[in-house]
């Protein structure tokens, strides 16, 4: 049995994906990257004492349809520049409302979270450490409108929180995240099964080895 987890690992990376969930793409141009690495991340949020950066809190919640949402309370100013692409503040920038999920009498599915608007991103999140393991969440997400809301106050660091909602994976056979997308300072070698989001699944939770 694993030991209890205390606190979090203070790390999350986002990689822009193609609309069909088949590939990692360039963070600005949307061109497919054949062999992506961590340098292709669209945005990385992590604790860094030298910059006074923190992820103060992280919440994972699930609605009645099993759709996960992830909320990060962080103070990383680069979040705002990233949201200019991920969640632009313009008329129609949110990519429309979520389409209701419907099934016909033969079981064909239409709508649902996987068909909703917004730019999809692969989220690679280090949740917490237990012994030699690091509990990890991998999901395909879009950014919610509440992302970037902030308040400034004398004496307090400016928190720039962000929120994402998972989409069901569209790729036949599932999407396998390359090992090169996982920071070697956080993770050890991760089995492919622990890096794979199966088709129609919202997330992959696993506990692969932490970095030595």
Protein backbone atom coordinates (compact mmCIF):
# COMPACT_ATOMS: atom_id res chain seq x y z
CA UNK A 1 0.00 0.00 0.00
CA UNK A 2 1.30 3.44 -0.93
CA UNK A 3 2.13 6.06 1.70
CA UNK A 4 -0.10 9.12 2.02
CA UNK A 5 0.55 12.06 -0.27
CA UNK A 6 1.34 15.46 1.26
CA UNK A 7 0.92 18.67 -0.70
CA UNK A 8 1.40 18.68 -4.48
CA UNK A 9 4.28 18.47 -6.96
CA UNK A 10 3.71 22.01 -8.30
CA UNK A 11 4.06 21.15 -12.00
CA UNK A 12 1.78 21.13 -15.04
CA UNK A 13 2.54 21.39 -18.76
CA UNK A 14 0.21 22.04 -21.68
CA UNK A 15 0.87 21.04 -25.30
CA UNK A 16 -1.34 22.26 -28.12
CA UNK A 17 -3.09 19.46 -30.01
CA UNK A 18 -4.75 18.99 -33.38
CA UNK A 19 -8.55 19.13 -33.41
CA UNK A 20 -8.75 15.38 -34.01
CA UNK A 21 -6.56 14.67 -30.95
CA UNK A 22 -4.07 12.77 -33.13
CA UNK A 23 -0.99 14.99 -32.82
CA UNK A 24 0.92 17.60 -30.87
CA UNK A 25 1.13 20.79 -32.93
CA UNK A 26 3.12 24.02 -32.86
CA UNK A 27 1.82 26.27 -30.07
CA UNK A 28 1.24 29.24 -32.39
CA UNK A 29 0.99 27.96 -35.98
CA UNK A 30 -0.87 24.70 -35.34
CA UNK A 31 1.50 22.76 -37.64
CA UNK A 32 1.93 19.08 -36.67
CA UNK A 33 5.18 18.23 -34.82
CA UNK A 34 6.39 14.76 -35.75
CA UNK A 35 8.60 14.14 -32.70
CA UNK A 36 7.52 16.57 -29.97
CA UNK A 37 9.57 17.23 -26.86
CA UNK A 38 9.16 19.32 -23.73
CA UNK A 39 10.52 22.35 -25.61
CA UNK A 40 7.30 22.30 -27.67
CA UNK A 41 5.13 22.99 -24.62
CA UNK A 42 2.70 25.87 -25.08
CA UNK A 43 2.80 26.66 -21.37
CA UNK A 44 4.46 25.21 -18.27
CA UNK A 45 3.48 26.25 -14.77
CA UNK A 46 5.71 25.14 -11.91
CA UNK A 47 6.97 26.26 -8.57
CA UNK A 48 10.18 28.29 -8.82
CA UNK A 49 11.53 29.99 -5.69
CA UNK A 50 13.95 32.16 -7.72
CA UNK A 51 10.96 33.78 -9.51
CA UNK A 52 8.56 33.63 -6.55
CA UNK A 53 6.32 31.37 -8.69
CA UNK A 54 3.96 29.03 -6.86
CA UNK A 55 1.04 26.74 -7.54
CA UNK A 56 -0.75 27.30 -4.26
CA UNK A 57 -3.64 24.92 -4.82
CA UNK A 58 -5.00 22.44 -7.36
CA UNK A 59 -8.52 21.02 -7.52
CA UNK A 60 -9.77 18.16 -9.68
CA UNK A 61 -13.57 17.81 -9.80
CA UNK A 62 -16.04 15.71 -11.79
CA UNK A 63 -19.57 16.48 -12.95
CA UNK A 64 -22.50 14.07 -13.19
CA UNK A 65 -21.39 13.02 -16.69
CA UNK A 66 -17.90 12.05 -15.39
CA UNK A 67 -16.30 15.05 -17.12
CA UNK A 68 -13.24 16.27 -15.18
CA UNK A 69 -12.35 19.91 -14.55
CA UNK A 70 -9.01 21.03 -13.16
CA UNK A 71 -8.42 24.34 -11.40
CA UNK A 72 -5.02 25.81 -10.56
CA UNK A 73 -4.41 28.70 -8.14
CA UNK A 74 -1.06 30.07 -9.31
CA UNK A 75 0.77 33.39 -9.52
CA UNK A 76 2.58 32.97 -12.84
CA UNK A 77 2.22 36.14 -14.99
CA UNK A 78 3.02 34.27 -18.25
CA UNK A 79 -0.44 32.72 -17.91
CA UNK A 80 -1.97 35.90 -19.31
CA UNK A 81 0.10 35.88 -22.52
CA UNK A 82 -0.64 32.19 -23.03
CA UNK A 83 -4.39 32.80 -22.66
CA UNK A 84 -4.24 35.26 -25.56
CA UNK A 85 -4.04 32.15 -27.74
CA UNK A 86 -5.67 29.47 -25.59
CA UNK A 87 -8.70 31.54 -24.59
CA UNK A 88 -8.77 34.82 -26.56
CA UNK A 89 -10.92 37.63 -25.18
CA UNK A 90 -12.99 38.49 -28.22
CA UNK A 91 -16.52 37.95 -29.48
CA UNK A 92 -16.83 34.23 -30.14
CA UNK A 93 -13.33 33.61 -28.78
CA UNK A 94 -14.56 30.93 -26.41
CA UNK A 95 -15.37 28.67 -29.33
CA UNK A 96 -19.15 28.36 -28.73
CA UNK A 97 -21.11 26.56 -26.06
CA UNK A 98 -20.76 22.86 -25.30
CA UNK A 99 -22.97 20.66 -27.45
CA UNK A 100 -25.36 18.35 -25.62
CA UNK A 101 -24.55 14.65 -25.89
CA UNK A 102 -27.19 12.65 -27.79
CA UNK A 103 -27.52 9.04 -28.95
CA UNK A 104 -29.71 7.65 -31.72
CA UNK A 105 -31.55 4.36 -31.39
CA UNK A 106 -28.63 2.46 -32.95
CA UNK A 107 -26.20 3.92 -30.42
CA UNK A 108 -24.56 6.55 -32.63
CA UNK A 109 -23.27 9.40 -30.47
CA UNK A 110 -23.33 13.09 -31.39
CA UNK A 111 -22.33 16.15 -29.39
CA UNK A 112 -20.83 15.91 -25.94
CA UNK A 113 -17.72 17.49 -24.46
CA UNK A 114 -15.39 16.07 -27.12
CA UNK A 115 -17.19 18.14 -29.77
CA UNK A 116 -17.16 21.41 -27.83
CA UNK A 117 -15.26 24.49 -29.00
CA UNK A 118 -11.87 25.82 -27.97
CA UNK A 119 -8.27 24.87 -28.73
CA UNK A 120 -7.43 21.44 -27.29
CA UNK A 121 -4.30 20.97 -25.19
CA UNK A 122 -2.64 17.90 -23.75
CA UNK A 123 -2.30 18.44 -20.00
CA UNK A 124 0.52 16.63 -18.19
CA UNK A 125 0.09 17.14 -14.47
CA UNK A 126 2.28 15.91 -11.61
CA UNK A 127 -0.15 15.66 -8.70
CA UNK A 128 1.75 14.38 -5.67
CA UNK A 129 4.54 12.02 -4.59
CA UNK A 130 4.11 8.78 -2.66
CA UNK A 131 7.37 6.98 -1.92
CA UNK A 132 9.06 6.35 -5.28
CA UNK A 133 5.88 7.03 -7.28
CA UNK A 134 4.47 10.25 -8.65
CA UNK A 135 0.74 10.39 -9.12
CA UNK A 136 0.01 11.80 -12.55
CA UNK A 137 -2.99 13.04 -14.53
CA UNK A 138 -2.93 13.19 -18.34
CA UNK A 139 -5.92 14.67 -20.17
CA UNK A 140 -6.96 16.57 -23.28
CA UNK A 141 -8.42 19.88 -22.14
CA UNK A 142 -9.71 23.29 -23.17
CA UNK A 143 -9.38 26.44 -21.09
CA UNK A 144 -12.43 27.87 -19.33
CA UNK A 145 -13.54 31.50 -19.48
CA UNK A 146 -12.72 32.02 -15.78
CA UNK A 147 -9.01 31.52 -16.49
CA UNK A 148 -6.90 34.60 -15.83
CA UNK A 149 -9.30 36.31 -13.40
CA UNK A 150 -7.16 38.24 -10.90
CA UNK A 151 -7.07 40.77 -8.10
CA UNK A 152 -4.18 42.97 -7.01
CA UNK A 153 -3.76 43.85 -3.34
CA UNK A 154 -1.02 45.60 -1.43
CA UNK A 155 1.32 43.07 0.15
CA UNK A 156 -0.08 40.04 -1.69
CA UNK A 157 1.29 38.18 -4.68
CA UNK A 158 -0.97 38.49 -7.72
CA UNK A 159 -2.67 35.14 -8.26
CA UNK A 160 -3.45 34.36 -11.91
CA UNK A 161 -5.57 31.19 -11.71
CA UNK A 162 -6.53 29.04 -14.67
CA UNK A 163 -9.18 26.36 -15.19
CA UNK A 164 -9.55 23.63 -17.80
CA UNK A 165 -12.18 21.04 -18.72
CA UNK A 166 -11.38 17.66 -20.21
CA UNK A 167 -12.53 16.45 -23.61
CA UNK A 168 -13.11 12.80 -24.47
CA UNK A 169 -10.22 11.51 -26.58
CA UNK A 170 -11.19 11.25 -30.27
CA UNK A 171 -8.21 9.30 -31.59
CA UNK A 172 -8.86 5.70 -32.62
CA UNK A 173 -6.68 3.49 -30.46
CA UNK A 174 -6.18 6.32 -28.00
CA UNK A 175 -3.55 9.05 -27.76
CA UNK A 176 -0.10 8.06 -26.51
CA UNK A 177 1.86 10.97 -25.01
CA UNK A 178 5.56 10.71 -25.85
CA UNK A 179 7.97 10.13 -22.96
CA UNK A 180 9.80 13.25 -24.15
CA UNK A 181 6.83 15.38 -23.04
CA UNK A 182 7.48 14.50 -19.38
CA UNK A 183 10.07 16.56 -17.50
CA UNK A 184 13.03 14.35 -16.56
CA UNK A 185 13.42 16.32 -13.35
CA UNK A 186 9.96 15.17 -12.26
CA UNK A 187 9.36 11.72 -13.83
CA UNK A 188 11.39 8.60 -14.44
CA UNK A 189 10.66 6.24 -17.34
CA UNK A 190 6.90 5.90 -17.78
CA UNK A 191 5.28 2.78 -19.26
CA UNK A 192 3.34 3.53 -22.47
CA UNK A 193 0.10 2.37 -20.85
CA UNK A 194 0.47 5.10 -18.22
CA UNK A 195 0.88 7.70 -20.98
CA UNK A 196 -2.14 6.61 -23.03
CA UNK A 197 -5.60 8.20 -22.98
CA UNK A 198 -7.96 5.60 -24.51
CA UNK A 199 -10.53 6.71 -27.08
CA UNK A 200 -13.67 8.18 -25.44
CA UNK A 201 -11.86 8.52 -22.09
CA UNK A 202 -11.47 11.90 -20.40
CA UNK A 203 -8.24 11.28 -18.51
CA UNK A 204 -5.53 8.82 -17.62
CA UNK A 205 -4.52 8.59 -13.96
CA UNK A 206 -1.41 6.64 -13.05
CA UNK A 207 1.47 6.45 -10.58
CA UNK A 208 4.68 5.95 -12.57
CA UNK A 209 8.19 6.27 -11.09
CA UNK A 210 9.35 9.70 -10.00
CA UNK A 211 12.71 11.05 -11.13
CA UNK A 212 15.71 9.51 -9.38
